[in-house]
Amino acid sequence: MRPSGISKPPFAIVLASAAAVLCACGGGGDSGASPTPSRTTAAPGTPPSPTITRDFAPTPSASSGSPSHASGRCRSDDLEARISTAGPAAGQRYAFLTLTNTSGSACHVYGYVGMLLLTASDHPIPTRVERLSPPGPQTVRLQPGGSAHARLQWTVVPGPREPEHGACAPTPGLAWVTPPDERSHLAVNWNQGVVCGNGHISTTPLQPGAAPR
């Protein structure tokens, strides 16, 4: 499937192994939100459990008076995700991830998204998400139709224990994006090619506005 909609992992075993990567803590907020009911049909078959790790320093928690603790946080149901190319550099690739408020009410996001890459046949690819700072997280208020974006960066140069000839890893066809402090994810097409470095992707915190063109 390729909708930019809400989806729970199609396999129970994947949900358990991918939780560390998909978790998108915003440096504060209600991290105990309940998963969103599934809207998709599980793919047949159960793939082997991937090896998923997290590769970033934890973001310091916001104080109890932080706006991220206020009501009105954007839920996965409220958002639509899109990934757009931001241009290449020597051995590096960049993209912008944009979250848009598709609900009828204002809400806010604060912090970083979680992400898991999958093949075109929905098999998970080991993914490591690094949170970049500075800049630090900020509360971004989204009016209906409003957007926030983050910049993604990864390498296409094979890393240790990756093949030096041919593809360094399976080519992703889909990404599961988890908004800050949410547990359910958004499914979005990944048309950015292979991710080397053992699935390492760096991301900035969400910033106001749609992605630069």
N, C-alpha and C. Protein backbone atom coordinates (compact mmCIF):
# COMPACT_ATOMS: atom_id res chain seq x y z
N MET A 1 0.84 -1.20 0.00
CA MET A 1 0.00 0.00 0.00
C MET A 1 0.87 1.25 0.00
N ARG A 2 0.38 2.30 -0.55
CA ARG A 2 1.16 3.52 -0.61
C ARG A 2 0.38 4.75 -0.18
N PRO A 3 -0.57 4.64 0.73
CA PRO A 3 -1.29 5.84 1.15
C PRO A 3 -0.48 6.62 2.17
N SER A 4 -0.68 7.93 2.24
CA SER A 4 -0.08 8.72 3.32
C SER A 4 -1.08 8.79 4.46
N GLY A 5 -1.47 7.66 4.95
CA GLY A 5 -2.50 7.60 5.97
C GLY A 5 -2.02 6.87 7.19
N ILE A 6 -2.92 6.68 8.14
CA ILE A 6 -2.58 6.00 9.38
C ILE A 6 -2.52 4.51 9.13
N SER A 7 -1.57 3.87 9.74
CA SER A 7 -1.44 2.43 9.59
C SER A 7 -0.73 1.88 10.80
N LYS A 8 -1.13 0.75 11.26
CA LYS A 8 -0.37 0.01 12.26
C LYS A 8 0.48 -1.01 11.54
N PRO A 9 1.60 -1.47 12.13
CA PRO A 9 2.45 -2.45 11.47
C PRO A 9 1.67 -3.67 11.06
N PRO A 10 1.93 -4.21 9.82
CA PRO A 10 1.14 -5.34 9.35
C PRO A 10 1.48 -6.63 10.02
N PHE A 11 2.54 -6.70 10.79
CA PHE A 11 2.89 -7.94 11.46
C PHE A 11 3.18 -7.65 12.91
N ALA A 12 2.64 -8.47 13.81
CA ALA A 12 2.85 -8.24 15.24
C ALA A 12 4.31 -8.31 15.60
N ILE A 13 5.06 -9.20 14.94
CA ILE A 13 6.47 -9.34 15.30
C ILE A 13 7.26 -8.11 14.90
N VAL A 14 6.85 -7.44 13.80
CA VAL A 14 7.51 -6.22 13.38
C VAL A 14 7.24 -5.10 14.37
N LEU A 15 6.02 -5.01 14.89
CA LEU A 15 5.68 -3.97 15.84
C LEU A 15 6.58 -4.03 17.06
N ALA A 16 6.85 -5.23 17.55
CA ALA A 16 7.69 -5.36 18.74
C ALA A 16 9.12 -4.95 18.45
N SER A 17 9.67 -5.36 17.29
CA SER A 17 11.09 -5.11 17.02
C SER A 17 11.33 -3.70 16.52
N ALA A 18 10.32 -3.07 15.91
CA ALA A 18 10.51 -1.74 15.34
C ALA A 18 10.12 -0.63 16.28
N ALA A 19 9.62 -0.94 17.47
CA ALA A 19 9.09 0.10 18.37
C ALA A 19 10.12 1.14 18.72
N ALA A 20 11.38 0.74 18.88
CA ALA A 20 12.42 1.70 19.28
C ALA A 20 12.63 2.75 18.23
N VAL A 21 12.58 2.37 16.93
CA VAL A 21 12.80 3.32 15.85
C VAL A 21 11.56 4.17 15.63
N LEU A 22 10.38 3.56 15.67
CA LEU A 22 9.15 4.29 15.36
C LEU A 22 8.77 5.26 16.47
N CYS A 23 9.21 5.01 17.69
CA CYS A 23 8.89 5.92 18.79
C CYS A 23 9.45 7.30 18.50
N ALA A 24 8.62 8.32 18.54
CA ALA A 24 9.05 9.68 18.22
C ALA A 24 8.80 10.57 19.41
N CYS A 25 9.69 10.49 20.39
CA CYS A 25 9.54 11.31 21.58
C CYS A 25 9.87 12.75 21.24
N GLY A 26 9.06 13.68 21.71
CA GLY A 26 9.26 15.06 21.33
C GLY A 26 10.04 15.85 22.35
N GLY A 27 10.67 15.20 23.31
CA GLY A 27 11.35 15.95 24.36
C GLY A 27 10.35 16.46 25.37
N GLY A 28 9.23 15.78 25.48
CA GLY A 28 8.15 16.20 26.37
C GLY A 28 6.83 15.83 25.74
N GLY A 29 5.77 15.85 26.51
CA GLY A 29 4.46 15.55 25.94
C GLY A 29 3.93 14.23 26.46
N ASP A 30 2.77 13.85 25.98
CA ASP A 30 2.08 12.65 26.43
C ASP A 30 2.60 11.46 25.67
N SER A 31 3.61 10.79 26.22
CA SER A 31 4.18 9.64 25.54
C SER A 31 3.36 8.38 25.75
N GLY A 32 2.30 8.44 26.51
CA GLY A 32 1.49 7.26 26.78
C GLY A 32 0.25 7.19 25.94
N ALA A 33 0.24 7.85 24.77
CA ALA A 33 -0.94 7.84 23.92
C ALA A 33 -1.21 6.42 23.43
N SER A 34 -2.48 6.06 23.29
CA SER A 34 -2.85 4.74 22.84
C SER A 34 -2.68 4.63 21.34
N PRO A 35 -2.32 3.43 20.84
CA PRO A 35 -2.18 3.25 19.40
C PRO A 35 -3.49 3.53 18.68
N THR A 36 -3.38 4.03 17.46
CA THR A 36 -4.56 4.31 16.65
C THR A 36 -5.06 3.03 16.01
N PRO A 37 -6.39 2.80 15.95
CA PRO A 37 -6.90 1.59 15.31
C PRO A 37 -6.41 1.47 13.88
N SER A 38 -6.20 0.23 13.43
CA SER A 38 -5.67 0.00 12.09
C SER A 38 -6.70 0.35 11.04
N ARG A 39 -6.21 0.90 9.92
CA ARG A 39 -7.07 1.19 8.78
C ARG A 39 -6.66 0.41 7.55
N THR A 40 -5.66 -0.47 7.65
CA THR A 40 -5.19 -1.18 6.49
C THR A 40 -5.28 -2.68 6.73
N THR A 41 -5.16 -3.42 5.65
CA THR A 41 -5.19 -4.88 5.73
C THR A 41 -3.77 -5.39 5.78
N ALA A 42 -3.48 -6.30 6.70
CA ALA A 42 -2.14 -6.83 6.85
C ALA A 42 -1.73 -7.61 5.61
N ALA A 43 -0.47 -7.46 5.21
CA ALA A 43 0.05 -8.21 4.09
C ALA A 43 0.22 -9.66 4.48
N PRO A 44 0.03 -10.59 3.53
CA PRO A 44 0.17 -12.01 3.88
C PRO A 44 1.61 -12.34 4.21
N GLY A 45 1.78 -13.32 5.08
CA GLY A 45 3.11 -13.78 5.45
C GLY A 45 3.70 -12.99 6.58
N THR A 46 4.63 -13.56 7.29
CA THR A 46 5.29 -12.88 8.40
C THR A 46 6.78 -12.88 8.14
N PRO A 47 7.40 -11.71 7.88
CA PRO A 47 8.83 -11.67 7.58
C PRO A 47 9.65 -11.85 8.84
N PRO A 48 10.94 -12.16 8.68
CA PRO A 48 11.79 -12.27 9.86
C PRO A 48 11.93 -10.95 10.56
N SER A 49 12.11 -10.99 11.87
CA SER A 49 12.22 -9.78 12.66
C SER A 49 13.51 -9.04 12.32
N PRO A 50 13.46 -7.74 11.97
CA PRO A 50 14.67 -7.00 11.62
C PRO A 50 15.44 -6.58 12.87
N THR A 51 16.70 -6.25 12.66
CA THR A 51 17.50 -5.71 13.74
C THR A 51 17.40 -4.20 13.69
N ILE A 52 16.77 -3.60 14.68
CA ILE A 52 16.53 -2.17 14.69
C ILE A 52 17.21 -1.58 15.91
N THR A 53 17.92 -0.47 15.70
CA THR A 53 18.56 0.20 16.83
C THR A 53 18.29 1.69 16.76
N ARG A 54 18.51 2.38 17.88
CA ARG A 54 18.41 3.83 17.92
C ARG A 54 19.82 4.38 18.05
N ASP A 55 20.10 5.48 17.37
CA ASP A 55 21.45 6.01 17.36
C ASP A 55 21.41 7.51 17.55
N PHE A 56 21.01 7.94 18.74
CA PHE A 56 21.00 9.35 19.04
C PHE A 56 21.01 9.56 20.53
N ALA A 57 21.45 10.74 20.93
CA ALA A 57 21.42 11.08 22.34
C ALA A 57 20.02 11.55 22.70
N PRO A 58 19.47 11.13 23.83
CA PRO A 58 18.11 11.54 24.20
C PRO A 58 18.00 13.05 24.32
N THR A 59 16.86 13.57 23.85
CA THR A 59 16.60 14.99 23.96
C THR A 59 16.19 15.31 25.40
N PRO A 60 16.76 16.35 26.02
CA PRO A 60 16.36 16.70 27.38
C PRO A 60 14.86 16.95 27.45
N SER A 61 14.24 16.48 28.51
CA SER A 61 12.80 16.64 28.66
C SER A 61 12.45 18.09 28.93
N ALA A 62 11.31 18.50 28.37
CA ALA A 62 10.83 19.85 28.62
C ALA A 62 10.28 19.94 30.03
N SER A 63 10.25 21.14 30.58
CA SER A 63 9.70 21.33 31.92
C SER A 63 8.20 21.14 31.90
N SER A 64 7.63 21.00 33.09
CA SER A 64 6.19 20.74 33.17
C SER A 64 5.38 21.90 32.63
N GLY A 65 6.00 23.08 32.52
CA GLY A 65 5.26 24.22 32.00
C GLY A 65 5.45 24.42 30.51
N SER A 66 6.15 23.47 29.84
CA SER A 66 6.40 23.61 28.42
C SER A 66 5.11 23.54 27.63
N PRO A 67 5.02 24.28 26.49
CA PRO A 67 3.82 24.19 25.65
C PRO A 67 3.56 22.79 25.14
N SER A 68 4.61 21.93 25.11
CA SER A 68 4.39 20.58 24.61
C SER A 68 3.51 19.76 25.54
N HIS A 69 3.27 20.25 26.76
CA HIS A 69 2.40 19.54 27.69
C HIS A 69 0.96 20.06 27.61
N ALA A 70 0.76 21.09 26.83
CA ALA A 70 -0.59 21.65 26.73
C ALA A 70 -1.47 20.75 25.88
N SER A 71 -2.79 20.95 25.97
CA SER A 71 -3.72 20.18 25.16
C SER A 71 -3.60 20.64 23.72
N GLY A 72 -4.07 19.82 22.80
CA GLY A 72 -4.06 20.21 21.40
C GLY A 72 -2.88 19.69 20.61
N ARG A 73 -2.16 18.67 21.13
CA ARG A 73 -1.06 18.10 20.36
C ARG A 73 -1.62 17.44 19.11
N CYS A 74 -0.90 17.53 17.99
CA CYS A 74 -1.34 16.89 16.76
C CYS A 74 -1.21 15.37 16.89
N ARG A 75 -2.29 14.69 16.63
CA ARG A 75 -2.30 13.23 16.63
C ARG A 75 -2.02 12.74 15.21
N SER A 76 -1.65 11.48 15.10
CA SER A 76 -1.39 10.92 13.77
C SER A 76 -2.60 11.06 12.86
N ASP A 77 -3.79 10.91 13.43
CA ASP A 77 -5.03 11.06 12.65
C ASP A 77 -5.17 12.45 12.04
N ASP A 78 -4.52 13.45 12.63
CA ASP A 78 -4.66 14.83 12.19
C ASP A 78 -3.72 15.19 11.04
N LEU A 79 -2.77 14.32 10.74
CA LEU A 79 -1.65 14.72 9.90
C LEU A 79 -1.53 13.89 8.63
N GLU A 80 -0.90 14.49 7.63
CA GLU A 80 -0.51 13.82 6.40
C GLU A 80 0.98 14.05 6.20
N ALA A 81 1.70 13.03 5.77
CA ALA A 81 3.14 13.13 5.60
C ALA A 81 3.51 13.13 4.12
N ARG A 82 4.58 13.86 3.79
CA ARG A 82 5.11 13.89 2.42
C ARG A 82 6.62 14.02 2.50
N ILE A 83 7.34 13.32 1.62
CA ILE A 83 8.80 13.40 1.54
C ILE A 83 9.18 13.91 0.17
N SER A 84 9.98 14.96 0.13
CA SER A 84 10.40 15.57 -1.13
C SER A 84 11.92 15.68 -1.18
N THR A 85 12.48 15.55 -2.38
CA THR A 85 13.93 15.59 -2.56
C THR A 85 14.47 16.99 -2.31
N ALA A 86 15.62 17.05 -1.61
CA ALA A 86 16.24 18.34 -1.29
C ALA A 86 17.58 18.50 -1.99
N GLY A 87 17.96 17.57 -2.85
CA GLY A 87 19.20 17.70 -3.60
C GLY A 87 20.33 16.87 -3.03
N PRO A 88 21.26 16.41 -3.90
CA PRO A 88 22.37 15.57 -3.46
C PRO A 88 23.63 16.38 -3.18
N ALA A 89 24.59 15.76 -2.52
CA ALA A 89 25.95 16.26 -2.36
C ALA A 89 26.87 15.06 -2.51
N ALA A 90 28.16 15.27 -2.40
CA ALA A 90 29.11 14.18 -2.61
C ALA A 90 28.90 13.08 -1.59
N GLY A 91 28.34 11.97 -2.03
CA GLY A 91 28.11 10.83 -1.16
C GLY A 91 26.94 10.98 -0.21
N GLN A 92 26.29 12.13 -0.23
CA GLN A 92 25.19 12.41 0.69
C GLN A 92 23.90 12.67 -0.08
N ARG A 93 22.79 12.40 0.57
CA ARG A 93 21.48 12.71 0.01
C ARG A 93 20.65 13.44 1.06
N TYR A 94 19.76 14.30 0.59
CA TYR A 94 18.93 15.10 1.49
C TYR A 94 17.48 15.05 1.01
N ALA A 95 16.57 15.14 1.96
CA ALA A 95 15.14 15.21 1.64
C ALA A 95 14.45 16.00 2.74
N PHE A 96 13.27 16.49 2.42
CA PHE A 96 12.45 17.17 3.42
C PHE A 96 11.24 16.31 3.73
N LEU A 97 10.95 16.17 5.00
CA LEU A 97 9.73 15.52 5.47
C LEU A 97 8.77 16.60 5.93
N THR A 98 7.58 16.64 5.35
CA THR A 98 6.58 17.65 5.70
C THR A 98 5.36 16.98 6.33
N LEU A 99 4.93 17.49 7.48
CA LEU A 99 3.68 17.08 8.11
C LEU A 99 2.67 18.20 7.96
N THR A 100 1.49 17.88 7.46
CA THR A 100 0.45 18.87 7.23
C THR A 100 -0.79 18.53 8.04
N ASN A 101 -1.34 19.52 8.70
CA ASN A 101 -2.56 19.34 9.50
C ASN A 101 -3.77 19.25 8.58
N THR A 102 -4.35 18.07 8.48
CA THR A 102 -5.52 17.86 7.62
C THR A 102 -6.82 17.85 8.41
N SER A 103 -6.74 18.15 9.71
CA SER A 103 -7.95 18.17 10.53
C SER A 103 -8.62 19.54 10.43
N GLY A 104 -9.74 19.69 11.08
CA GLY A 104 -10.45 20.96 11.06
C GLY A 104 -10.12 21.86 12.22
N SER A 105 -9.14 21.47 13.05
CA SER A 105 -8.78 22.25 14.24
C SER A 105 -7.28 22.44 14.31
N ALA A 106 -6.86 23.53 14.96
CA ALA A 106 -5.44 23.78 15.16
C ALA A 106 -4.88 22.76 16.15
N CYS A 107 -3.61 22.42 15.98
CA CYS A 107 -2.91 21.54 16.91
C CYS A 107 -1.44 21.90 16.85
N HIS A 108 -0.61 21.26 17.66
CA HIS A 108 0.81 21.60 17.62
C HIS A 108 1.67 20.34 17.64
N VAL A 109 2.89 20.48 17.10
CA VAL A 109 3.90 19.43 17.15
C VAL A 109 5.13 19.98 17.85
N TYR A 110 5.90 19.08 18.47
CA TYR A 110 7.09 19.50 19.19
C TYR A 110 8.11 18.38 19.18
N GLY A 111 9.22 18.58 18.50
CA GLY A 111 10.30 17.60 18.56
C GLY A 111 10.59 16.91 17.25
N TYR A 112 10.89 15.62 17.34
CA TYR A 112 11.39 14.83 16.22
C TYR A 112 10.39 13.73 15.83
N VAL A 113 10.44 13.36 14.56
CA VAL A 113 9.64 12.22 14.11
C VAL A 113 10.45 10.94 14.29
N GLY A 114 9.74 9.81 14.33
CA GLY A 114 10.37 8.50 14.25
C GLY A 114 10.19 7.98 12.83
N MET A 115 11.02 7.02 12.44
CA MET A 115 10.95 6.54 11.06
C MET A 115 11.44 5.10 10.96
N LEU A 116 10.79 4.35 10.08
CA LEU A 116 11.22 3.01 9.73
C LEU A 116 11.08 2.86 8.23
N LEU A 117 12.14 2.39 7.55
CA LEU A 117 12.11 2.16 6.11
C LEU A 117 11.67 0.73 5.83
N LEU A 118 10.97 0.55 4.71
CA LEU A 118 10.51 -0.76 4.29
C LEU A 118 10.73 -0.92 2.79
N THR A 119 10.83 -2.16 2.33
CA THR A 119 10.93 -2.42 0.90
C THR A 119 9.57 -2.19 0.24
N ALA A 120 9.56 -2.27 -1.09
CA ALA A 120 8.30 -2.11 -1.82
C ALA A 120 7.30 -3.21 -1.47
N SER A 121 7.81 -4.34 -0.97
CA SER A 121 6.91 -5.43 -0.56
C SER A 121 6.64 -5.40 0.94
N ASP A 122 6.88 -4.25 1.56
CA ASP A 122 6.54 -4.01 2.97
C ASP A 122 7.39 -4.80 3.96
N HIS A 123 8.60 -5.19 3.61
CA HIS A 123 9.49 -5.84 4.55
C HIS A 123 10.40 -4.79 5.19
N PRO A 124 10.50 -4.77 6.51
CA PRO A 124 11.28 -3.75 7.20
C PRO A 124 12.77 -3.80 6.84
N ILE A 125 13.37 -2.63 6.76
CA ILE A 125 14.81 -2.49 6.55
C ILE A 125 15.40 -1.88 7.81
N PRO A 126 16.47 -2.45 8.37
CA PRO A 126 17.06 -1.86 9.58
C PRO A 126 17.29 -0.37 9.40
N THR A 127 16.81 0.41 10.36
CA THR A 127 16.84 1.88 10.26
C THR A 127 17.33 2.45 11.58
N ARG A 128 18.27 3.38 11.51
CA ARG A 128 18.77 4.06 12.70
C ARG A 128 18.56 5.55 12.51
N VAL A 129 17.84 6.18 13.41
CA VAL A 129 17.50 7.60 13.30
C VAL A 129 18.33 8.40 14.31
N GLU A 130 19.05 9.38 13.80
CA GLU A 130 19.85 10.27 14.66
C GLU A 130 19.18 11.64 14.72
N ARG A 131 19.01 12.17 15.92
CA ARG A 131 18.39 13.48 16.11
C ARG A 131 19.47 14.56 16.13
N LEU A 132 19.36 15.52 15.23
CA LEU A 132 20.33 16.59 15.14
C LEU A 132 19.94 17.77 16.01
N SER A 133 20.92 18.39 16.63
CA SER A 133 20.71 19.59 17.44
C SER A 133 22.07 20.26 17.62
N PRO A 134 22.17 21.61 17.52
CA PRO A 134 21.09 22.55 17.24
C PRO A 134 20.67 22.51 15.78
N PRO A 135 19.50 23.10 15.48
CA PRO A 135 18.61 23.79 16.42
C PRO A 135 17.86 22.80 17.30
N GLY A 136 17.46 23.27 18.47
CA GLY A 136 16.68 22.44 19.37
C GLY A 136 15.22 22.42 18.97
N PRO A 137 14.44 21.52 19.58
CA PRO A 137 13.01 21.45 19.28
C PRO A 137 12.28 22.73 19.67
N GLN A 138 11.22 23.03 18.96
CA GLN A 138 10.36 24.15 19.28
C GLN A 138 8.91 23.73 19.05
N THR A 139 8.00 24.36 19.76
CA THR A 139 6.59 24.08 19.55
C THR A 139 6.13 24.77 18.28
N VAL A 140 5.55 24.00 17.37
CA VAL A 140 5.06 24.54 16.09
C VAL A 140 3.55 24.36 16.06
N ARG A 141 2.84 25.47 16.05
CA ARG A 141 1.37 25.43 16.00
C ARG A 141 0.92 25.35 14.55
N LEU A 142 0.06 24.38 14.27
CA LEU A 142 -0.43 24.15 12.92
C LEU A 142 -1.91 24.47 12.84
N GLN A 143 -2.24 25.50 12.12
CA GLN A 143 -3.63 25.75 11.79
C GLN A 143 -4.09 24.71 10.77
N PRO A 144 -5.39 24.53 10.56
CA PRO A 144 -5.84 23.59 9.53
C PRO A 144 -5.19 23.93 8.19
N GLY A 145 -4.54 22.95 7.58
CA GLY A 145 -3.81 23.18 6.34
C GLY A 145 -2.38 23.62 6.54
N GLY A 146 -1.98 23.92 7.77
CA GLY A 146 -0.62 24.36 8.06
C GLY A 146 0.35 23.19 8.11
N SER A 147 1.65 23.50 7.94
CA SER A 147 2.66 22.45 7.84
C SER A 147 3.86 22.73 8.73
N ALA A 148 4.58 21.68 9.04
CA ALA A 148 5.89 21.74 9.67
C ALA A 148 6.80 20.78 8.91
N HIS A 149 8.10 21.05 8.91
CA HIS A 149 9.00 20.20 8.14
C HIS A 149 10.29 19.90 8.90
N ALA A 150 10.95 18.84 8.50
CA ALA A 150 12.27 18.47 9.01
C ALA A 150 13.13 18.08 7.83
N ARG A 151 14.45 18.28 7.96
CA ARG A 151 15.37 17.88 6.89
C ARG A 151 16.01 16.55 7.24
N LEU A 152 16.02 15.64 6.28
CA LEU A 152 16.62 14.32 6.44
C LEU A 152 17.93 14.26 5.67
N GLN A 153 18.89 13.52 6.20
CA GLN A 153 20.19 13.35 5.55
C GLN A 153 20.68 11.93 5.74
N TRP A 154 21.27 11.35 4.68
CA TRP A 154 21.83 10.00 4.77
C TRP A 154 22.94 9.86 3.73
N THR A 155 23.68 8.76 3.77
CA THR A 155 24.78 8.53 2.85
C THR A 155 24.44 7.43 1.86
N VAL A 156 25.06 7.51 0.69
CA VAL A 156 24.95 6.44 -0.30
C VAL A 156 26.29 5.74 -0.45
N VAL A 157 27.23 6.01 0.46
CA VAL A 157 28.53 5.36 0.48
C VAL A 157 28.45 4.15 1.41
N PRO A 158 28.80 2.95 0.93
CA PRO A 158 28.71 1.77 1.78
C PRO A 158 29.53 1.92 3.05
N GLY A 159 28.96 1.47 4.16
CA GLY A 159 29.64 1.52 5.44
C GLY A 159 30.28 0.18 5.78
N PRO A 160 30.82 0.05 6.99
CA PRO A 160 31.42 -1.21 7.41
C PRO A 160 30.42 -2.37 7.31
N ARG A 161 30.92 -3.49 6.83
CA ARG A 161 30.12 -4.72 6.70
C ARG A 161 29.01 -4.59 5.67
N GLU A 162 29.10 -3.57 4.79
CA GLU A 162 28.15 -3.45 3.68
C GLU A 162 28.88 -3.75 2.36
N PRO A 163 28.18 -4.30 1.37
CA PRO A 163 28.83 -4.62 0.09
C PRO A 163 29.42 -3.37 -0.56
N GLU A 164 30.63 -3.48 -1.08
CA GLU A 164 31.25 -2.35 -1.75
C GLU A 164 30.83 -2.26 -3.20
N HIS A 165 30.31 -3.33 -3.75
CA HIS A 165 29.86 -3.35 -5.13
C HIS A 165 28.38 -3.74 -5.15
N GLY A 166 27.61 -3.07 -5.99
CA GLY A 166 26.19 -3.30 -6.00
C GLY A 166 25.50 -2.52 -4.90
N ALA A 167 24.26 -2.84 -4.64
CA ALA A 167 23.49 -2.12 -3.63
C ALA A 167 24.03 -2.41 -2.23
N CYS A 168 24.18 -1.36 -1.42
CA CYS A 168 24.67 -1.55 -0.05
C CYS A 168 23.59 -2.10 0.86
N ALA A 169 22.32 -1.95 0.47
CA ALA A 169 21.18 -2.38 1.28
C ALA A 169 19.96 -2.47 0.37
N PRO A 170 18.89 -3.11 0.81
CA PRO A 170 17.67 -3.11 0.02
C PRO A 170 17.18 -1.68 -0.22
N THR A 171 16.62 -1.43 -1.38
CA THR A 171 16.11 -0.09 -1.70
C THR A 171 14.73 0.09 -1.07
N PRO A 172 14.55 1.11 -0.23
CA PRO A 172 13.23 1.33 0.37
C PRO A 172 12.19 1.76 -0.67
N GLY A 173 10.97 1.36 -0.43
CA GLY A 173 9.86 1.84 -1.25
C GLY A 173 8.82 2.56 -0.43
N LEU A 174 8.96 2.45 0.89
CA LEU A 174 7.97 3.00 1.80
C LEU A 174 8.65 3.43 3.09
N ALA A 175 8.11 4.44 3.73
CA ALA A 175 8.60 4.85 5.06
C ALA A 175 7.41 4.95 5.99
N TRP A 176 7.59 4.47 7.21
CA TRP A 176 6.61 4.69 8.27
C TRP A 176 7.12 5.86 9.11
N VAL A 177 6.35 6.90 9.19
CA VAL A 177 6.73 8.12 9.91
C VAL A 177 5.81 8.27 11.12
N THR A 178 6.41 8.40 12.30
CA THR A 178 5.64 8.57 13.53
C THR A 178 5.78 10.00 14.03
N PRO A 179 4.69 10.77 14.11
CA PRO A 179 4.77 12.14 14.62
C PRO A 179 5.24 12.17 16.07
N PRO A 180 5.75 13.31 16.53
CA PRO A 180 6.25 13.40 17.91
C PRO A 180 5.22 12.95 18.95
N ASP A 181 5.68 12.13 19.89
CA ASP A 181 4.88 11.66 21.01
C ASP A 181 3.69 10.80 20.61
N GLU A 182 3.70 10.29 19.38
CA GLU A 182 2.65 9.39 18.93
C GLU A 182 3.19 7.97 18.82
N ARG A 183 2.27 7.00 18.75
CA ARG A 183 2.65 5.61 18.59
C ARG A 183 2.20 5.03 17.26
N SER A 184 1.15 5.56 16.68
CA SER A 184 0.72 5.12 15.36
C SER A 184 1.46 5.93 14.31
N HIS A 185 1.60 5.36 13.11
CA HIS A 185 2.45 5.98 12.11
C HIS A 185 1.67 6.34 10.85
N LEU A 186 2.34 7.13 10.01
CA LEU A 186 1.84 7.51 8.70
C LEU A 186 2.67 6.79 7.66
N ALA A 187 2.03 6.18 6.66
CA ALA A 187 2.74 5.50 5.59
C ALA A 187 2.92 6.45 4.42
N VAL A 188 4.15 6.59 3.94
CA VAL A 188 4.44 7.53 2.86
C VAL A 188 5.43 6.89 1.90
N ASN A 189 5.27 7.14 0.60
CA ASN A 189 6.18 6.60 -0.40
C ASN A 189 7.60 7.13 -0.19
N TRP A 190 8.58 6.26 -0.38
CA TRP A 190 9.99 6.66 -0.33
C TRP A 190 10.55 6.51 -1.74
N ASN A 191 10.80 7.63 -2.40
CA ASN A 191 11.33 7.63 -3.76
C ASN A 191 12.73 8.23 -3.78
N GLN A 192 13.47 8.06 -2.69
CA GLN A 192 14.77 8.73 -2.54
C GLN A 192 15.95 7.78 -2.73
N GLY A 193 15.71 6.54 -3.11
CA GLY A 193 16.81 5.62 -3.35
C GLY A 193 17.31 4.94 -2.09
N VAL A 194 18.47 4.30 -2.24
CA VAL A 194 19.02 3.46 -1.18
C VAL A 194 19.59 4.31 -0.04
N VAL A 195 19.60 3.74 1.16
CA VAL A 195 20.19 4.37 2.35
C VAL A 195 21.30 3.47 2.85
N CYS A 196 22.55 3.93 2.72
CA CYS A 196 23.70 3.16 3.20
C CYS A 196 24.02 3.55 4.65
N GLY A 197 25.17 3.05 5.13
CA GLY A 197 25.53 3.36 6.52
C GLY A 197 24.70 2.60 7.52
N ASN A 198 24.30 1.36 7.13
CA ASN A 198 23.48 0.53 8.03
C ASN A 198 22.16 1.21 8.41
N GLY A 199 21.56 1.88 7.42
CA GLY A 199 20.24 2.47 7.63
C GLY A 199 20.24 3.74 8.46
N HIS A 200 21.38 4.44 8.51
CA HIS A 200 21.49 5.64 9.35
C HIS A 200 20.90 6.86 8.64
N ILE A 201 19.91 7.50 9.26
CA ILE A 201 19.29 8.73 8.76
C ILE A 201 19.33 9.77 9.87
N SER A 202 19.79 10.97 9.54
CA SER A 202 19.78 12.08 10.50
C SER A 202 18.57 12.96 10.21
N THR A 203 17.98 13.52 11.27
CA THR A 203 16.84 14.40 11.09
C THR A 203 16.91 15.59 12.03
N THR A 204 16.50 16.73 11.53
CA THR A 204 16.34 17.91 12.37
C THR A 204 15.00 17.84 13.10
N PRO A 205 14.80 18.64 14.15
CA PRO A 205 13.46 18.71 14.74
C PRO A 205 12.51 19.39 13.76
N LEU A 206 11.23 19.21 13.98
CA LEU A 206 10.24 19.86 13.12
C LEU A 206 10.32 21.37 13.28
N GLN A 207 10.24 22.06 12.15
CA GLN A 207 10.31 23.51 12.10
C GLN A 207 9.07 24.06 11.41
N PRO A 208 8.71 25.32 11.64
CA PRO A 208 7.49 25.87 11.07
C PRO A 208 7.54 25.95 9.55
N GLY A 209 6.40 25.76 8.91
CA GLY A 209 6.25 25.96 7.49
C GLY A 209 6.46 24.71 6.67
N ALA A 210 6.03 24.79 5.41
CA ALA A 210 6.25 23.70 4.47
C ALA A 210 7.72 23.66 4.09
N ALA A 211 8.13 22.54 3.49
CA ALA A 211 9.53 22.38 3.09
C ALA A 211 9.90 23.39 2.02
N PRO A 212 11.13 23.90 2.05
CA PRO A 212 11.60 24.81 0.99
C PRO A 212 11.54 24.11 -0.36
N ARG A 213 11.32 24.88 -1.39
CA ARG A 213 11.27 24.31 -2.75
C ARG A 213 12.58 24.60 -3.48
